[in-house]
């Protein structure tokens, strides 16, 4: 009988690589979702900041009865 030395293979198995890829995908998904939430909150903040401007403009329209910047017709 011949005694053969078993060559030890180094590296990762496919299961280990698949697990790492799943973890990376979950992390990236979480980061992208977080950025989306931040962007949505910025947009909501801008909209809420514009509500007083909208109210002032509607009040002006109610008092003056015409849009700001429009001219009255000359007779």
PDB file of N, CA and C in Angstrom:
ATOM      1  N   UNK A   1       0.818  -1.183   0.000  1.00  0.00           N
ATOM      2  CA  UNK A   1       0.000   0.000   0.000  1.00  0.00           C
ATOM      3  C   UNK A   1       0.858   1.241   0.000  1.00  0.00           C
ATOM      4  N   UNK A   2       0.450   2.071  -0.831  1.00  0.00           N
ATOM      5  CA  UNK A   2       1.165   3.342  -0.900  1.00  0.00           C
ATOM      6  C   UNK A   2       0.525   4.334   0.045  1.00  0.00           C
ATOM      7  N   UNK A   3       1.365   5.016   0.709  1.00  0.00           N
ATOM      8  CA  UNK A   3       0.857   6.075   1.570  1.00  0.00           C
ATOM      9  C   UNK A   3       0.976   7.388   0.836  1.00  0.00           C
ATOM     10  N   UNK A   4      -0.168   7.948   0.559  1.00  0.00           N
ATOM     11  CA  UNK A   4      -0.174   9.241  -0.131  1.00  0.00           C
ATOM     12  C   UNK A   4      -0.458  10.338   0.876  1.00  0.00           C
ATOM     13  N   UNK A   5       0.236  11.419   0.692  1.00  0.00           N
ATOM     14  CA  UNK A   5      -0.041  12.569   1.540  1.00  0.00           C
ATOM     15  C   UNK A   5      -1.257  13.279   0.965  1.00  0.00           C
ATOM     16  N   UNK A   6      -2.188  13.515   1.801  1.00  0.00           N
ATOM     17  CA  UNK A   6      -3.358  14.245   1.346  1.00  0.00           C
ATOM     18  C   UNK A   6      -3.020  15.732   1.293  1.00  0.00           C
ATOM     19  N   UNK A   7      -3.184  16.246   0.128  1.00  0.00           N
ATOM     20  CA  UNK A   7      -2.925  17.675  -0.031  1.00  0.00           C
ATOM     21  C   UNK A   7      -4.076  18.446   0.608  1.00  0.00           C
ATOM     22  N   UNK A   8      -3.720  19.371   1.444  1.00  0.00           N
ATOM     23  CA  UNK A   8      -4.742  20.147   2.115  1.00  0.00           C
ATOM     24  C   UNK A   8      -5.142  21.301   1.224  1.00  0.00           C
ATOM     25  N   UNK A   9      -6.410  21.396   0.954  1.00  0.00           N
ATOM     26  CA  UNK A   9      -6.884  22.473   0.099  1.00  0.00           C
ATOM     27  C   UNK A   9      -7.260  23.657   0.969  1.00  0.00           C
ATOM     28  N   UNK A  10      -6.803  24.804   0.535  1.00  0.00           N
ATOM     29  CA  UNK A  10      -7.171  26.006   1.274  1.00  0.00           C
ATOM     30  C   UNK A  10      -8.167  26.797   0.430  1.00  0.00           C
ATOM     31  N   UNK A  11      -9.000  27.547   1.096  1.00  0.00           N
ATOM     32  CA  UNK A  11     -10.011  28.323   0.388  1.00  0.00           C
ATOM     33  C   UNK A  11     -11.346  28.197   1.095  1.00  0.00           C
ATOM     34  N   UNK A  12     -12.335  28.785   0.473  1.00  0.00           N
ATOM     35  CA  UNK A  12     -13.673  28.793   1.052  1.00  0.00           C
ATOM     36  C   UNK A  12     -14.579  27.845   0.277  1.00  0.00           C
ATOM     37  N   UNK A  13     -15.540  27.311   0.983  1.00  0.00           N
ATOM     38  CA  UNK A  13     -16.518  26.471   0.305  1.00  0.00           C
ATOM     39  C   UNK A  13     -17.593  27.355  -0.307  1.00  0.00           C
ATOM     40  N   UNK A  14     -18.386  26.784  -1.180  1.00  0.00           N
ATOM     41  CA  UNK A  14     -19.455  27.550  -1.819  1.00  0.00           C
ATOM     42  C   UNK A  14     -20.490  28.020  -0.813  1.00  0.00           C
ATOM     43  N   UNK A  15     -20.723  27.242   0.214  1.00  0.00           N
ATOM     44  CA  UNK A  15     -21.692  27.626   1.245  1.00  0.00           C
ATOM     45  C   UNK A  15     -21.198  28.851   1.998  1.00  0.00           C
ATOM     46  N   UNK A  16     -19.932  28.874   2.338  1.00  0.00           N
ATOM     47  CA  UNK A  16     -19.369  30.024   3.042  1.00  0.00           C
ATOM     48  C   UNK A  16     -19.434  31.282   2.182  1.00  0.00           C
ATOM     49  N   UNK A  17     -19.117  31.153   0.924  1.00  0.00           N
ATOM     50  CA  UNK A  17     -19.184  32.304   0.019  1.00  0.00           C
ATOM     51  C   UNK A  17     -20.621  32.777  -0.131  1.00  0.00           C
ATOM     52  N   UNK A  18     -21.557  31.847  -0.233  1.00  0.00           N
ATOM     53  CA  UNK A  18     -22.966  32.219  -0.363  1.00  0.00           C
ATOM     54  C   UNK A  18     -23.452  32.949   0.881  1.00  0.00           C
ATOM     55  N   UNK A  19     -23.044  32.508   2.061  1.00  0.00           N
ATOM     56  CA  UNK A  19     -23.447  33.168   3.297  1.00  0.00           C
ATOM     57  C   UNK A  19     -22.893  34.592   3.351  1.00  0.00           C
ATOM     58  N   UNK A  20     -21.652  34.759   2.969  1.00  0.00           N
ATOM     59  CA  UNK A  20     -21.046  36.096   2.958  1.00  0.00           C
ATOM     60  C   UNK A  20     -21.780  37.007   1.981  1.00  0.00           C
ATOM     61  N   UNK A  21     -22.123  36.491   0.811  1.00  0.00           N
ATOM     62  CA  UNK A  21     -22.842  37.306  -0.171  1.00  0.00           C
ATOM     63  C   UNK A  21     -24.226  37.700   0.327  1.00  0.00           C
ATOM     64  N   UNK A  22     -24.898  36.797   1.026  1.00  0.00           N
ATOM     65  CA  UNK A  22     -26.212  37.120   1.593  1.00  0.00           C
ATOM     66  C   UNK A  22     -26.078  38.205   2.655  1.00  0.00           C
ATOM     67  N   UNK A  23     -25.071  38.106   3.500  1.00  0.00           N
ATOM     68  CA  UNK A  23     -24.861  39.115   4.540  1.00  0.00           C
ATOM     69  C   UNK A  23     -24.562  40.474   3.911  1.00  0.00           C
ATOM     70  N   UNK A  24     -23.713  40.501   2.891  1.00  0.00           N
ATOM     71  CA  UNK A  24     -23.402  41.761   2.202  1.00  0.00           C
ATOM     72  C   UNK A  24     -24.659  42.338   1.564  1.00  0.00           C
ATOM     73  N   UNK A  25     -25.478  41.496   0.962  1.00  0.00           N
ATOM     74  CA  UNK A  25     -26.725  41.963   0.359  1.00  0.00           C
ATOM     75  C   UNK A  25     -27.670  42.559   1.389  1.00  0.00           C
ATOM     76  N   UNK A  26     -27.773  41.926   2.548  1.00  0.00           N
ATOM     77  CA  UNK A  26     -28.632  42.455   3.610  1.00  0.00           C
ATOM     78  C   UNK A  26     -28.122  43.805   4.118  1.00  0.00           C
ATOM     79  N   UNK A  27     -26.814  43.926   4.277  1.00  0.00           N
ATOM     80  CA  UNK A  27     -26.243  45.196   4.726  1.00  0.00           C
ATOM     81  C   UNK A  27     -26.487  46.306   3.709  1.00  0.00           C
ATOM     82  N   UNK A  28     -26.266  46.005   2.437  1.00  0.00           N
ATOM     83  CA  UNK A  28     -26.496  47.015   1.402  1.00  0.00           C
ATOM     84  C   UNK A  28     -27.966  47.403   1.323  1.00  0.00           C
ATOM     85  N   UNK A  29     -28.849  46.432   1.454  1.00  0.00           N
ATOM     86  CA  UNK A  29     -30.281  46.717   1.444  1.00  0.00           C
ATOM     87  C   UNK A  29     -30.674  47.614   2.601  1.00  0.00           C
ATOM     88  N   UNK A  30     -30.107  47.374   3.770  1.00  0.00           N
ATOM     89  CA  UNK A  30     -30.385  48.213   4.934  1.00  0.00           C
ATOM     90  C   UNK A  30     -29.889  49.632   4.758  1.00  0.00           C
ATOM     91  N   UNK A  31     -28.695  49.774   4.186  1.00  0.00           N
ATOM     92  CA  UNK A  31     -28.139  51.115   3.951  1.00  0.00           C
ATOM     93  C   UNK A  31     -28.995  51.869   2.939  1.00  0.00           C
ATOM     94  N   UNK A  32     -29.384  51.213   1.866  1.00  0.00           N
ATOM     95  CA  UNK A  32     -30.199  51.877   0.846  1.00  0.00           C
ATOM     96  C   UNK A  32     -31.568  52.254   1.395  1.00  0.00           C
ATOM     97  N   UNK A  33     -32.149  51.406   2.219  1.00  0.00           N
ATOM     98  CA  UNK A  33     -33.444  51.711   2.828  1.00  0.00           C
ATOM     99  C   UNK A  33     -33.308  52.902   3.772  1.00  0.00           C
ATOM    100  N   UNK A  34     -32.209  52.956   4.517  1.00  0.00           N
ATOM    101  CA  UNK A  34     -31.955  54.088   5.405  1.00  0.00           C
ATOM    102  C   UNK A  34     -31.819  55.385   4.644  1.00  0.00           C
ATOM    103  N   UNK A  35     -31.126  55.354   3.508  1.00  0.00           N
ATOM    104  CA  UNK A  35     -30.984  56.563   2.684  1.00  0.00           C
ATOM    105  C   UNK A  35     -32.332  56.992   2.136  1.00  0.00           C
ATOM    106  N   UNK A  36     -33.170  56.042   1.772  1.00  0.00           N
ATOM    107  CA  UNK A  36     -34.502  56.359   1.267  1.00  0.00           C
ATOM    108  C   UNK A  36     -35.341  57.033   2.350  1.00  0.00           C
ATOM    109  N   UNK A  37     -35.248  56.534   3.579  1.00  0.00           N
ATOM    110  CA  UNK A  37     -35.993  57.137   4.677  1.00  0.00           C
ATOM    111  C   UNK A  37     -35.517  58.553   4.965  1.00  0.00           C
ATOM    112  N   UNK A  38     -34.205  58.778   4.884  1.00  0.00           N
ATOM    113  CA  UNK A  38     -33.655  60.118   5.098  1.00  0.00           C
ATOM    114  C   UNK A  38     -34.153  61.065   4.016  1.00  0.00           C
ATOM    115  N   UNK A  39     -34.130  60.627   2.770  1.00  0.00           N
ATOM    116  CA  UNK A  39     -34.596  61.466   1.657  1.00  0.00           C
ATOM    117  C   UNK A  39     -36.081  61.782   1.800  1.00  0.00           C
ATOM    118  N   UNK A  40     -36.886  60.796   2.190  1.00  0.00           N
ATOM    119  CA  UNK A  40     -38.320  61.030   2.374  1.00  0.00           C
ATOM    120  C   UNK A  40     -38.579  62.026   3.492  1.00  0.00           C
ATOM    121  N   UNK A  41     -37.806  61.955   4.556  1.00  0.00           N
ATOM    122  CA  UNK A  41     -38.004  62.905   5.654  1.00  0.00           C
ATOM    123  C   UNK A  41     -37.596  64.309   5.238  1.00  0.00           C
ATOM    124  N   UNK A  42     -36.572  64.430   4.403  1.00  0.00           N
ATOM    125  CA  UNK A  42     -36.191  65.755   3.891  1.00  0.00           C
ATOM    126  C   UNK A  42     -37.307  66.344   3.045  1.00  0.00           C
ATOM    127  N   UNK A  43     -37.898  65.527   2.190  1.00  0.00           N
ATOM    128  CA  UNK A  43     -38.979  65.995   1.327  1.00  0.00           C
ATOM    129  C   UNK A  43     -40.179  66.428   2.158  1.00  0.00           C
ATOM    130  N   UNK A  44     -40.517  65.640   3.185  1.00  0.00           N
ATOM    131  CA  UNK A  44     -41.640  66.001   4.051  1.00  0.00           C
ATOM    132  C   UNK A  44     -41.363  67.296   4.780  1.00  0.00           C
ATOM    133  N   UNK A  45     -40.118  67.520   5.180  1.00  0.00           N
ATOM    134  CA  UNK A  45     -39.741  68.774   5.843  1.00  0.00           C
ATOM    135  C   UNK A  45     -39.890  69.966   4.917  1.00  0.00           C
ATOM    136  N   UNK A  46     -39.498  69.806   3.669  1.00  0.00           N
ATOM    137  CA  UNK A  46     -39.613  70.897   2.701  1.00  0.00           C
ATOM    138  C   UNK A  46     -41.076  71.210   2.441  1.00  0.00           C
ATOM    139  N   UNK A  47     -41.900  70.182   2.305  1.00  0.00           N
ATOM    140  CA  UNK A  47     -43.332  70.393   2.061  1.00  0.00           C
ATOM    141  C   UNK A  47     -43.967  71.114   3.245  1.00  0.00           C
ATOM    142  N   UNK A  48     -43.608  70.717   4.458  1.00  0.00           N
ATOM    143  CA  UNK A  48     -44.199  71.379   5.629  1.00  0.00           C
ATOM    144  C   UNK A  48     -43.695  72.811   5.763  1.00  0.00           C
ATOM    145  N   UNK A  49     -42.474  73.104   5.295  1.00  0.00           N
ATOM    146  CA  UNK A  49     -41.972  74.480   5.312  1.00  0.00           C
ATOM    147  C   UNK A  49     -42.700  75.357   4.297  1.00  0.00           C
ATOM    148  N   UNK A  50     -43.216  74.765   3.238  1.00  0.00           N
ATOM    149  CA  UNK A  50     -43.896  75.538   2.191  1.00  0.00           C
ATOM    150  C   UNK A  50     -45.374  75.787   2.501  1.00  0.00           C
ATOM    151  N   UNK A  51     -45.944  75.114   3.474  1.00  0.00           N
ATOM    152  CA  UNK A  51     -47.371  75.301   3.798  1.00  0.00           C
ATOM    153  C   UNK A  51     -47.685  76.731   4.220  1.00  0.00           C
ATOM    154  N   UNK A  52     -46.867  77.409   5.032  1.00  0.00           N
ATOM    155  CA  UNK A  52     -47.174  78.812   5.343  1.00  0.00           C
ATOM    156  C   UNK A  52     -47.127  79.718   4.106  1.00  0.00           C
ATOM    157  N   UNK A  53     -46.226  79.437   3.190  1.00  0.00           N
ATOM    158  CA  UNK A  53     -46.146  80.229   1.961  1.00  0.00           C
ATOM    159  C   UNK A  53     -47.420  80.042   1.143  1.00  0.00           C
ATOM    160  N   UNK A  54     -47.885  78.810   1.067  1.00  0.00           N
ATOM    161  CA  UNK A  54     -49.121  78.529   0.344  1.00  0.00           C
ATOM    162  C   UNK A  54     -50.297  79.253   0.996  1.00  0.00           C
ATOM    163  N   UNK A  55     -50.351  79.244   2.316  1.00  0.00           N
ATOM    164  CA  UNK A  55     -51.427  79.938   3.021  1.00  0.00           C
ATOM    165  C   UNK A  55     -51.382  81.432   2.793  1.00  0.00           C
ATOM    166  N   UNK A  56     -50.192  82.012   2.817  1.00  0.00           N
ATOM    167  CA  UNK A  56     -50.053  83.454   2.576  1.00  0.00           C
ATOM    168  C   UNK A  56     -50.476  83.804   1.153  1.00  0.00           C
ATOM    169  N   UNK A  57     -50.103  82.986   0.204  1.00  0.00           N
ATOM    170  CA  UNK A  57     -50.454  83.256  -1.190  1.00  0.00           C
ATOM    171  C   UNK A  57     -51.967  83.141  -1.394  1.00  0.00           C
ATOM    172  N   UNK A  58     -52.573  82.138  -0.774  1.00  0.00           N
ATOM    173  CA  UNK A  58     -54.025  81.998  -0.886  1.00  0.00           C
ATOM    174  C   UNK A  58     -54.742  83.162  -0.210  1.00  0.00           C
ATOM    175  N   UNK A  59     -54.193  83.649   0.902  1.00  0.00           N
ATOM    176  CA  UNK A  59     -54.768  84.825   1.554  1.00  0.00           C
ATOM    177  C   UNK A  59     -54.667  86.066   0.678  1.00  0.00           C
ATOM    178  N   UNK A  60     -53.534  86.226   0.025  1.00  0.00           N
ATOM    179  CA  UNK A  60     -53.350  87.348  -0.900  1.00  0.00           C
ATOM    180  C   UNK A  60     -54.367  87.253  -2.034  1.00  0.00           C
ATOM    181  N   UNK A  61     -54.555  86.073  -2.564  1.00  0.00           N
ATOM    182  CA  UNK A  61     -55.492  85.868  -3.663  1.00  0.00           C
ATOM    183  C   UNK A  61     -56.920  86.173  -3.212  1.00  0.00           C
ATOM    184  N   UNK A  62     -57.236  85.826  -1.980  1.00  0.00           N
ATOM    185  CA  UNK A  62     -58.574  86.100  -1.463  1.00  0.00           C
ATOM    186  C   UNK A  62     -58.812  87.606  -1.317  1.00  0.00           C
ATOM    187  N   UNK A  63     -57.826  88.330  -0.823  1.00  0.00           N
ATOM    188  CA  UNK A  63     -57.980  89.773  -0.584  1.00  0.00           C
ATOM    189  C   UNK A  63     -57.939  90.552  -1.888  1.00  0.00           C
ATOM    190  N   UNK A  64     -57.016  90.270  -2.760  1.00  0.00           N
ATOM    191  CA  UNK A  64     -56.801  91.064  -3.978  1.00  0.00           C
ATOM    192  C   UNK A  64     -57.654  90.555  -5.137  1.00  0.00           C
ATOM    193  N   UNK A  65     -58.066  89.327  -5.114  1.00  0.00           N
ATOM    194  CA  UNK A  65     -58.908  88.700  -6.147  1.00  0.00           C
ATOM    195  C   UNK A  65     -58.208  88.541  -7.486  1.00  0.00           C
ATOM    196  N   UNK A  66     -56.922  88.474  -7.478  1.00  0.00           N
ATOM    197  CA  UNK A  66     -56.166  88.157  -8.698  1.00  0.00           C
ATOM    198  C   UNK A  66     -54.810  87.611  -8.289  1.00  0.00           C
ATOM    199  N   UNK A  67     -54.194  86.880  -9.193  1.00  0.00           N
ATOM    200  CA  UNK A  67     -52.886  86.312  -8.902  1.00  0.00           C
ATOM    201  C   UNK A  67     -51.836  87.397  -8.875  1.00  0.00           C
ATOM    202  N   UNK A  68     -50.866  87.220  -8.023  1.00  0.00           N
ATOM    203  CA  UNK A  68     -49.779  88.175  -7.925  1.00  0.00           C
ATOM    204  C   UNK A  68     -48.976  88.138  -9.231  1.00  0.00           C
ATOM    205  N   UNK A  69     -48.661  89.326  -9.730  1.00  0.00           N
ATOM    206  CA  UNK A  69     -47.887  89.418 -10.961  1.00  0.00           C
ATOM    207  C   UNK A  69     -48.717  89.589 -12.198  1.00  0.00           C
ATOM    208  N   UNK A  70     -50.023  89.462 -12.101  1.00  0.00           N
ATOM    209  CA  UNK A  70     -50.871  89.688 -13.279  1.00  0.00           C
ATOM    210  C   UNK A  70     -51.269  91.160 -13.307  1.00  0.00           C
ATOM    211  N   UNK A  71     -51.360  91.702 -14.483  1.00  0.00           N
ATOM    212  CA  UNK A  71     -51.718  93.106 -14.649  1.00  0.00           C
ATOM    213  C   UNK A  71     -53.210  93.254 -14.823  1.00  0.00           C
ATOM    214  N   UNK A  72     -53.682  94.392 -14.399  1.00  0.00           N
ATOM    215  CA  UNK A  72     -55.082  94.700 -14.686  1.00  0.00           C
ATOM    216  C   UNK A  72     -55.151  95.204 -16.109  1.00  0.00           C
ATOM    217  N   UNK A  73     -56.237  94.900 -16.752  1.00  0.00           N
ATOM    218  CA  UNK A  73     -56.392  95.335 -18.147  1.00  0.00           C
ATOM    219  C   UNK A  73     -56.629  96.840 -18.184  1.00  0.00           C
ATOM    220  N   UNK A  74     -55.948  97.467 -19.080  1.00  0.00           N
ATOM    221  CA  UNK A  74     -56.146  98.916 -19.283  1.00  0.00           C
ATOM    222  C   UNK A  74     -57.397  99.123 -20.124  1.00  0.00           C
ATOM    223  N   UNK A  75     -58.288 100.023 -19.698  1.00  0.00           N
ATOM    224  CA  UNK A  75     -59.505 100.252 -20.483  1.00  0.00           C
ATOM    225  C   UNK A  75     -59.247 100.961 -21.795  1.00  0.00           C
TER     226      UNK A  75
END
